[in-house]
Amino acid sequence: MCGAILVICSIKPYNLVNKYLNLAFMDNIKVSSTDDGLILVENDIITDYSSETSSTGDVIYPTFGEQYAVLSCPTIDMSVPVYWGSNTTLLEKGACQSPSSAVVGNDGNSVIDAHVNTYFSNLIDLEVGDEVIIYTKYGEFSYEVRELIEFDKTDKSYVNKDDENILTLYTCKIQVLGSSDIRQGVVCDLVEKKFYTDIQE
């Protein structure tokens, strides 16, 4: 029993350190492959753009396995890389966005999830009114938390396409033994779009 508790306690610190190392050592572009044939692309995402922006612009569509964004929640001191697509390998590296959801900057529901014991460990600390920012290669998009949500994993109402410009973030509800069937998260309203005017693909 003591050994099992020690293993559980050691998972979180290792993954948190690994997360910050991944962020700290991102090059302009890094491409690598995994044992399962997945091609990983890690981009240098701008989080301090200081030139002119526009409320309209074009998104740059990511490929499966590409890190195309950084998710920032200042009130809970969370900064997480976001990958396009979802599988075990990508969930070990950051948050994942469902390819069936809207690319950030396009109209619709952008759906992002991550493991509760790593990158979204403090997601449930977000409160209504908190700011959430998505930084991409092509722009910065600000959201405000509208609603705290909890739903069963079979309930697709929060993760389906939507006509509203919203951001849905979710993770598993913490459970000591086994995996939980309950998901927790937030729905956020789009507040501002800032497309970069001098960024090239």
C-alpha atoms as a PDB file:
ATOM      1  CA  MET A   1       0.000   0.000   0.000  1.00  0.00           C
ATOM      2  CA  CYS A   2       2.796   2.427   0.928  1.00  0.00           C
ATOM      3  CA  GLY A   3       4.582   1.629  -2.346  1.00  0.00           C
ATOM      4  CA  ALA A   4       1.447   2.390  -4.389  1.00  0.00           C
ATOM      5  CA  ILE A   5       1.000   5.739  -2.641  1.00  0.00           C
ATOM      6  CA  LEU A   6       4.665   6.605  -3.298  1.00  0.00           C
ATOM      7  CA  VAL A   7       4.258   5.833  -7.018  1.00  0.00           C
ATOM      8  CA  ILE A   8       1.106   7.990  -7.270  1.00  0.00           C
ATOM      9  CA  CYS A   9       2.793  10.894  -5.490  1.00  0.00           C
ATOM     10  CA  SER A  10       5.852  10.702  -7.744  1.00  0.00           C
ATOM     11  CA  ILE A  11       3.849  10.945 -10.997  1.00  0.00           C
ATOM     12  CA  LYS A  12       2.759  14.542 -10.642  1.00  0.00           C
ATOM     13  CA  PRO A  13       6.159  16.175  -9.850  1.00  0.00           C
ATOM     14  CA  TYR A  14       7.880  14.296 -12.704  1.00  0.00           C
ATOM     15  CA  ASN A  15       5.270  15.357 -15.246  1.00  0.00           C
ATOM     16  CA  LEU A  16       5.248  18.950 -14.049  1.00  0.00           C
ATOM     17  CA  VAL A  17       9.047  19.155 -14.416  1.00  0.00           C
ATOM     18  CA  ASN A  18       8.824  17.495 -17.826  1.00  0.00           C
ATOM     19  CA  LYS A  19       6.166  20.020 -18.916  1.00  0.00           C
ATOM     20  CA  TYR A  20       8.340  23.023 -18.064  1.00  0.00           C
ATOM     21  CA  LEU A  21      11.406  21.469 -19.689  1.00  0.00           C
ATOM     22  CA  ASN A  22       9.403  20.956 -22.887  1.00  0.00           C
ATOM     23  CA  LEU A  23       8.360  24.606 -22.864  1.00  0.00           C
ATOM     24  CA  ALA A  24      11.790  25.955 -21.945  1.00  0.00           C
ATOM     25  CA  PHE A  25      13.691  24.174 -24.688  1.00  0.00           C
ATOM     26  CA  MET A  26      11.374  24.685 -27.672  1.00  0.00           C
ATOM     27  CA  ASP A  27      13.337  25.628 -30.787  1.00  0.00           C
ATOM     28  CA  ASN A  28      11.908  27.556 -33.720  1.00  0.00           C
ATOM     29  CA  ILE A  29      10.629  24.266 -35.103  1.00  0.00           C
ATOM     30  CA  LYS A  30      11.402  20.742 -33.925  1.00  0.00           C
ATOM     31  CA  VAL A  31      10.268  17.665 -35.799  1.00  0.00           C
ATOM     32  CA  SER A  32      10.554  14.174 -34.371  1.00  0.00           C
ATOM     33  CA  SER A  33       8.894  10.833 -34.806  1.00  0.00           C
ATOM     34  CA  THR A  34       7.643   8.381 -32.207  1.00  0.00           C
ATOM     35  CA  ASP A  35       7.579   4.601 -32.005  1.00  0.00           C
ATOM     36  CA  ASP A  36       3.960   4.574 -33.188  1.00  0.00           C
ATOM     37  CA  GLY A  37       4.850   6.533 -36.342  1.00  0.00           C
ATOM     38  CA  LEU A  38       3.432   9.849 -35.133  1.00  0.00           C
ATOM     39  CA  ILE A  39       5.296  12.879 -36.491  1.00  0.00           C
ATOM     40  CA  LEU A  40       5.607  15.533 -33.786  1.00  0.00           C
ATOM     41  CA  VAL A  41       6.046  19.181 -34.760  1.00  0.00           C
ATOM     42  CA  GLU A  42       6.840  21.661 -32.015  1.00  0.00           C
ATOM     43  CA  ASN A  43       6.667  25.346 -32.945  1.00  0.00           C
ATOM     44  CA  ASP A  44       7.978  28.437 -31.234  1.00  0.00           C
ATOM     45  CA  ILE A  45       4.718  30.084 -30.203  1.00  0.00           C
ATOM     46  CA  ILE A  46       4.820  33.864 -29.726  1.00  0.00           C
ATOM     47  CA  THR A  47       3.423  34.960 -26.365  1.00  0.00           C
ATOM     48  CA  ASP A  48       4.774  38.530 -26.354  1.00  0.00           C
ATOM     49  CA  TYR A  49       3.864  39.855 -29.813  1.00  0.00           C
ATOM     50  CA  SER A  50       4.214  43.649 -29.839  1.00  0.00           C
ATOM     51  CA  SER A  51       3.472  44.671 -33.441  1.00  0.00           C
ATOM     52  CA  GLU A  52       0.132  45.637 -34.968  1.00  0.00           C
ATOM     53  CA  THR A  53      -2.828  43.272 -34.816  1.00  0.00           C
ATOM     54  CA  SER A  54      -6.196  43.032 -36.525  1.00  0.00           C
ATOM     55  CA  SER A  55      -9.566  41.719 -35.362  1.00  0.00           C
ATOM     56  CA  THR A  56      -9.793  39.786 -38.642  1.00  0.00           C
ATOM     57  CA  GLY A  57      -7.300  37.487 -40.294  1.00  0.00           C
ATOM     58  CA  ASP A  58      -6.530  33.969 -41.441  1.00  0.00           C
ATOM     59  CA  VAL A  59      -5.840  30.945 -39.280  1.00  0.00           C
ATOM     60  CA  ILE A  60      -2.961  28.613 -40.072  1.00  0.00           C
ATOM     61  CA  TYR A  61      -4.353  25.079 -40.062  1.00  0.00           C
ATOM     62  CA  PRO A  62      -2.220  22.653 -38.032  1.00  0.00           C
ATOM     63  CA  THR A  63      -1.377  19.069 -38.905  1.00  0.00           C
ATOM     64  CA  PHE A  64      -2.002  16.092 -36.625  1.00  0.00           C
ATOM     65  CA  GLY A  65       0.703  15.989 -33.958  1.00  0.00           C
ATOM     66  CA  GLU A  66       1.643  19.656 -34.316  1.00  0.00           C
ATOM     67  CA  GLN A  67       1.897  21.977 -31.355  1.00  0.00           C
ATOM     68  CA  TYR A  68       0.046  24.999 -32.672  1.00  0.00           C
ATOM     69  CA  ALA A  69      -0.816  26.930 -29.531  1.00  0.00           C
ATOM     70  CA  VAL A  70      -0.044  27.755 -25.916  1.00  0.00           C
ATOM     71  CA  LEU A  71      -2.939  27.894 -23.457  1.00  0.00           C
ATOM     72  CA  SER A  72      -2.493  30.423 -20.650  1.00  0.00           C
ATOM     73  CA  CYS A  73      -4.654  30.908 -17.552  1.00  0.00           C
ATOM     74  CA  PRO A  74      -2.963  33.738 -15.592  1.00  0.00           C
ATOM     75  CA  THR A  75      -5.149  33.520 -12.458  1.00  0.00           C
ATOM     76  CA  ILE A  76      -4.073  29.927 -11.779  1.00  0.00           C
ATOM     77  CA  ASP A  77      -0.534  30.346 -13.179  1.00  0.00           C
ATOM     78  CA  MET A  78      -1.057  27.734 -15.899  1.00  0.00           C
ATOM     79  CA  SER A  79       0.736  27.687 -19.250  1.00  0.00           C
ATOM     80  CA  VAL A  80       0.346  24.565 -21.392  1.00  0.00           C
ATOM     81  CA  PRO A  81       1.380  23.595 -24.952  1.00  0.00           C
ATOM     82  CA  VAL A  82      -1.586  22.592 -27.136  1.00  0.00           C
ATOM     83  CA  TYR A  83      -1.286  19.866 -29.782  1.00  0.00           C
ATOM     84  CA  TRP A  84      -3.637  19.258 -32.685  1.00  0.00           C
ATOM     85  CA  GLY A  85      -5.155  15.808 -32.373  1.00  0.00           C
ATOM     86  CA  SER A  86      -5.234  13.425 -29.462  1.00  0.00           C
ATOM     87  CA  ASN A  87      -3.505  10.190 -28.537  1.00  0.00           C
ATOM     88  CA  THR A  88      -1.456   8.821 -25.644  1.00  0.00           C
ATOM     89  CA  THR A  89       1.814  10.341 -26.875  1.00  0.00           C
ATOM     90  CA  LEU A  90       0.372  13.834 -27.329  1.00  0.00           C
ATOM     91  CA  LEU A  91      -1.393  13.756 -23.953  1.00  0.00           C
ATOM     92  CA  GLU A  92       1.999  13.077 -22.358  1.00  0.00           C
ATOM     93  CA  LYS A  93       3.380  16.241 -23.961  1.00  0.00           C
ATOM     94  CA  GLY A  94       0.577  18.712 -23.284  1.00  0.00           C
ATOM     95  CA  ALA A  95      -3.068  19.483 -23.875  1.00  0.00           C
ATOM     96  CA  CYS A  96      -4.814  18.163 -26.983  1.00  0.00           C
ATOM     97  CA  GLN A  97      -7.416  19.759 -29.224  1.00  0.00           C
ATOM     98  CA  SER A  98     -10.017  17.619 -30.904  1.00  0.00           C
ATOM     99  CA  PRO A  99      -9.656  17.832 -34.724  1.00  0.00           C
ATOM    100  CA  SER A 100     -13.458  17.783 -34.963  1.00  0.00           C
ATOM    101  CA  SER A 101     -13.614  21.120 -33.130  1.00  0.00           C
ATOM    102  CA  ALA A 102     -12.975  24.614 -34.465  1.00  0.00           C
ATOM    103  CA  VAL A 103      -9.406  25.770 -34.986  1.00  0.00           C
ATOM    104  CA  VAL A 104      -8.844  28.700 -32.624  1.00  0.00           C
ATOM    105  CA  GLY A 105      -9.655  31.878 -34.562  1.00  0.00           C
ATOM    106  CA  ASN A 106     -12.408  30.251 -36.601  1.00  0.00           C
ATOM    107  CA  ASP A 107     -16.083  30.348 -35.627  1.00  0.00           C
ATOM    108  CA  GLY A 108     -17.322  27.547 -33.396  1.00  0.00           C
ATOM    109  CA  ASN A 109     -16.413  25.506 -30.335  1.00  0.00           C
ATOM    110  CA  SER A 110     -12.687  24.850 -29.768  1.00  0.00           C
ATOM    111  CA  VAL A 111     -12.377  21.799 -27.482  1.00  0.00           C
ATOM    112  CA  ILE A 112      -9.164  21.138 -25.531  1.00  0.00           C
ATOM    113  CA  ASP A 113      -8.474  18.469 -22.906  1.00  0.00           C
ATOM    114  CA  ALA A 114      -5.521  17.182 -20.872  1.00  0.00           C
ATOM    115  CA  HIS A 115      -4.776  14.767 -18.042  1.00  0.00           C
ATOM    116  CA  VAL A 116      -5.872  15.846 -14.571  1.00  0.00           C
ATOM    117  CA  ASN A 117      -2.685  14.522 -12.962  1.00  0.00           C
ATOM    118  CA  THR A 118      -0.407  16.606 -15.218  1.00  0.00           C
ATOM    119  CA  TYR A 119      -1.213  19.617 -17.381  1.00  0.00           C
ATOM    120  CA  PHE A 120      -4.788  20.275 -16.201  1.00  0.00           C
ATOM    121  CA  SER A 121      -4.156  19.463 -12.534  1.00  0.00           C
ATOM    122  CA  ASN A 122      -5.458  22.883 -11.438  1.00  0.00           C
ATOM    123  CA  LEU A 123      -8.063  23.461 -14.162  1.00  0.00           C
ATOM    124  CA  ILE A 124     -10.864  23.150 -11.602  1.00  0.00           C
ATOM    125  CA  ASP A 125      -9.440  26.199  -9.798  1.00  0.00           C
ATOM    126  CA  LEU A 126     -10.701  28.451 -12.609  1.00  0.00           C
ATOM    127  CA  GLU A 127     -13.689  30.599 -11.683  1.00  0.00           C
ATOM    128  CA  VAL A 128     -16.381  32.399 -13.666  1.00  0.00           C
ATOM    129  CA  GLY A 129     -14.912  35.642 -15.024  1.00  0.00           C
ATOM    130  CA  ASP A 130     -11.303  34.390 -15.191  1.00  0.00           C
ATOM    131  CA  GLU A 131      -9.306  35.141 -18.335  1.00  0.00           C
ATOM    132  CA  VAL A 132      -8.016  32.388 -20.627  1.00  0.00           C
ATOM    133  CA  ILE A 133      -5.648  33.221 -23.492  1.00  0.00           C
ATOM    134  CA  ILE A 134      -4.740  31.084 -26.485  1.00  0.00           C
ATOM    135  CA  TYR A 135      -1.515  32.077 -28.244  1.00  0.00           C
ATOM    136  CA  THR A 136      -0.964  30.688 -31.752  1.00  0.00           C
ATOM    137  CA  LYS A 137       1.503  31.277 -34.589  1.00  0.00           C
ATOM    138  CA  TYR A 138      -1.018  33.614 -36.195  1.00  0.00           C
ATOM    139  CA  GLY A 139      -2.708  35.433 -33.324  1.00  0.00           C
ATOM    140  CA  GLU A 140      -3.765  35.829 -29.721  1.00  0.00           C
ATOM    141  CA  PHE A 141      -7.300  35.005 -28.616  1.00  0.00           C
ATOM    142  CA  SER A 142      -8.768  36.039 -25.268  1.00  0.00           C
ATOM    143  CA  TYR A 143     -11.662  34.290 -23.539  1.00  0.00           C
ATOM    144  CA  GLU A 144     -13.590  34.686 -20.296  1.00  0.00           C
ATOM    145  CA  VAL A 145     -14.828  31.746 -18.246  1.00  0.00           C
ATOM    146  CA  ARG A 146     -18.623  31.698 -18.519  1.00  0.00           C
ATOM    147  CA  GLU A 147     -19.551  28.411 -16.843  1.00  0.00           C
ATOM    148  CA  LEU A 148     -18.070  25.624 -14.736  1.00  0.00           C
ATOM    149  CA  ILE A 149     -19.133  22.250 -16.115  1.00  0.00           C
ATOM    150  CA  GLU A 150     -19.301  18.610 -15.021  1.00  0.00           C
ATOM    151  CA  PHE A 151     -20.551  15.858 -17.292  1.00  0.00           C
ATOM    152  CA  ASP A 152     -20.409  12.129 -17.945  1.00  0.00           C
ATOM    153  CA  LYS A 153     -17.874  10.965 -20.534  1.00  0.00           C
ATOM    154  CA  THR A 154     -20.743   9.702 -22.715  1.00  0.00           C
ATOM    155  CA  ASP A 155     -22.337  13.173 -22.789  1.00  0.00           C
ATOM    156  CA  LYS A 156     -21.115  14.863 -25.984  1.00  0.00           C
ATOM    157  CA  SER A 157     -23.134  18.076 -25.599  1.00  0.00           C
ATOM    158  CA  TYR A 158     -20.132  20.120 -24.405  1.00  0.00           C
ATOM    159  CA  VAL A 159     -17.658  18.786 -26.961  1.00  0.00           C
ATOM    160  CA  ASN A 160     -19.799  18.900 -30.100  1.00  0.00           C
ATOM    161  CA  LYS A 161     -19.616  21.590 -32.751  1.00  0.00           C
ATOM    162  CA  ASP A 162     -21.385  24.809 -31.838  1.00  0.00           C
ATOM    163  CA  ASP A 163     -22.449  28.020 -33.562  1.00  0.00           C
ATOM    164  CA  GLU A 164     -21.061  30.106 -30.706  1.00  0.00           C
ATOM    165  CA  ASN A 165     -17.445  31.243 -30.574  1.00  0.00           C
ATOM    166  CA  ILE A 166     -16.499  29.409 -27.394  1.00  0.00           C
ATOM    167  CA  LEU A 167     -13.609  27.515 -25.852  1.00  0.00           C
ATOM    168  CA  THR A 168     -14.279  24.317 -23.893  1.00  0.00           C
ATOM    169  CA  LEU A 169     -11.568  22.996 -21.567  1.00  0.00           C
ATOM    170  CA  TYR A 170     -12.040  19.740 -19.663  1.00  0.00           C
ATOM    171  CA  THR A 171     -10.293  16.927 -17.840  1.00  0.00           C
ATOM    172  CA  CYS A 172     -11.194  13.833 -15.809  1.00  0.00           C
ATOM    173  CA  LYS A 173     -12.535  14.306 -12.305  1.00  0.00           C
ATOM    174  CA  ILE A 174      -9.907  13.249  -9.781  1.00  0.00           C
ATOM    175  CA  GLN A 175     -10.429   9.704  -8.537  1.00  0.00           C
ATOM    176  CA  VAL A 176      -8.016   7.878  -6.230  1.00  0.00           C
ATOM    177  CA  LEU A 177      -8.350   4.444  -7.824  1.00  0.00           C
ATOM    178  CA  GLY A 178      -9.039   3.782 -11.497  1.00  0.00           C
ATOM    179  CA  SER A 179     -10.170   6.266 -14.093  1.00  0.00           C
ATOM    180  CA  SER A 180     -13.217   8.444 -13.626  1.00  0.00           C
ATOM    181  CA  ASP A 181     -16.208   8.543 -15.968  1.00  0.00           C
ATOM    182  CA  ILE A 182     -16.888  12.149 -14.931  1.00  0.00           C
ATOM    183  CA  ARG A 183     -15.370  15.115 -16.739  1.00  0.00           C
ATOM    184  CA  GLN A 184     -14.889  18.593 -15.263  1.00  0.00           C
ATOM    185  CA  GLY A 185     -13.999  21.849 -16.921  1.00  0.00           C
ATOM    186  CA  VAL A 186     -15.072  25.260 -18.129  1.00  0.00           C
ATOM    187  CA  VAL A 187     -16.824  26.883 -21.066  1.00  0.00           C
ATOM    188  CA  CYS A 188     -15.361  30.239 -22.069  1.00  0.00           C
ATOM    189  CA  ASP A 189     -16.739  33.055 -24.241  1.00  0.00           C
ATOM    190  CA  LEU A 190     -14.540  34.672 -26.872  1.00  0.00           C
ATOM    191  CA  VAL A 191     -13.726  38.244 -25.842  1.00  0.00           C
ATOM    192  CA  GLU A 192     -11.129  39.416 -28.363  1.00  0.00           C
ATOM    193  CA  LYS A 193      -9.312  38.265 -31.501  1.00  0.00           C
ATOM    194  CA  LYS A 194      -5.871  39.692 -32.284  1.00  0.00           C
ATOM    195  CA  PHE A 195      -4.518  38.358 -35.565  1.00  0.00           C
ATOM    196  CA  TYR A 196      -0.841  39.134 -36.109  1.00  0.00           C
ATOM    197  CA  THR A 197      -0.332  41.326 -39.173  1.00  0.00           C
ATOM    198  CA  ASP A 198       3.302  40.558 -39.995  1.00  0.00           C
ATOM    199  CA  ILE A 199       3.619  36.833 -39.340  1.00  0.00           C
ATOM    200  CA  GLN A 200       4.416  34.544 -42.254  1.00  0.00           C
ATOM    201  CA  GLU A 201       3.762  30.796 -42.435  1.00  0.00           C
END
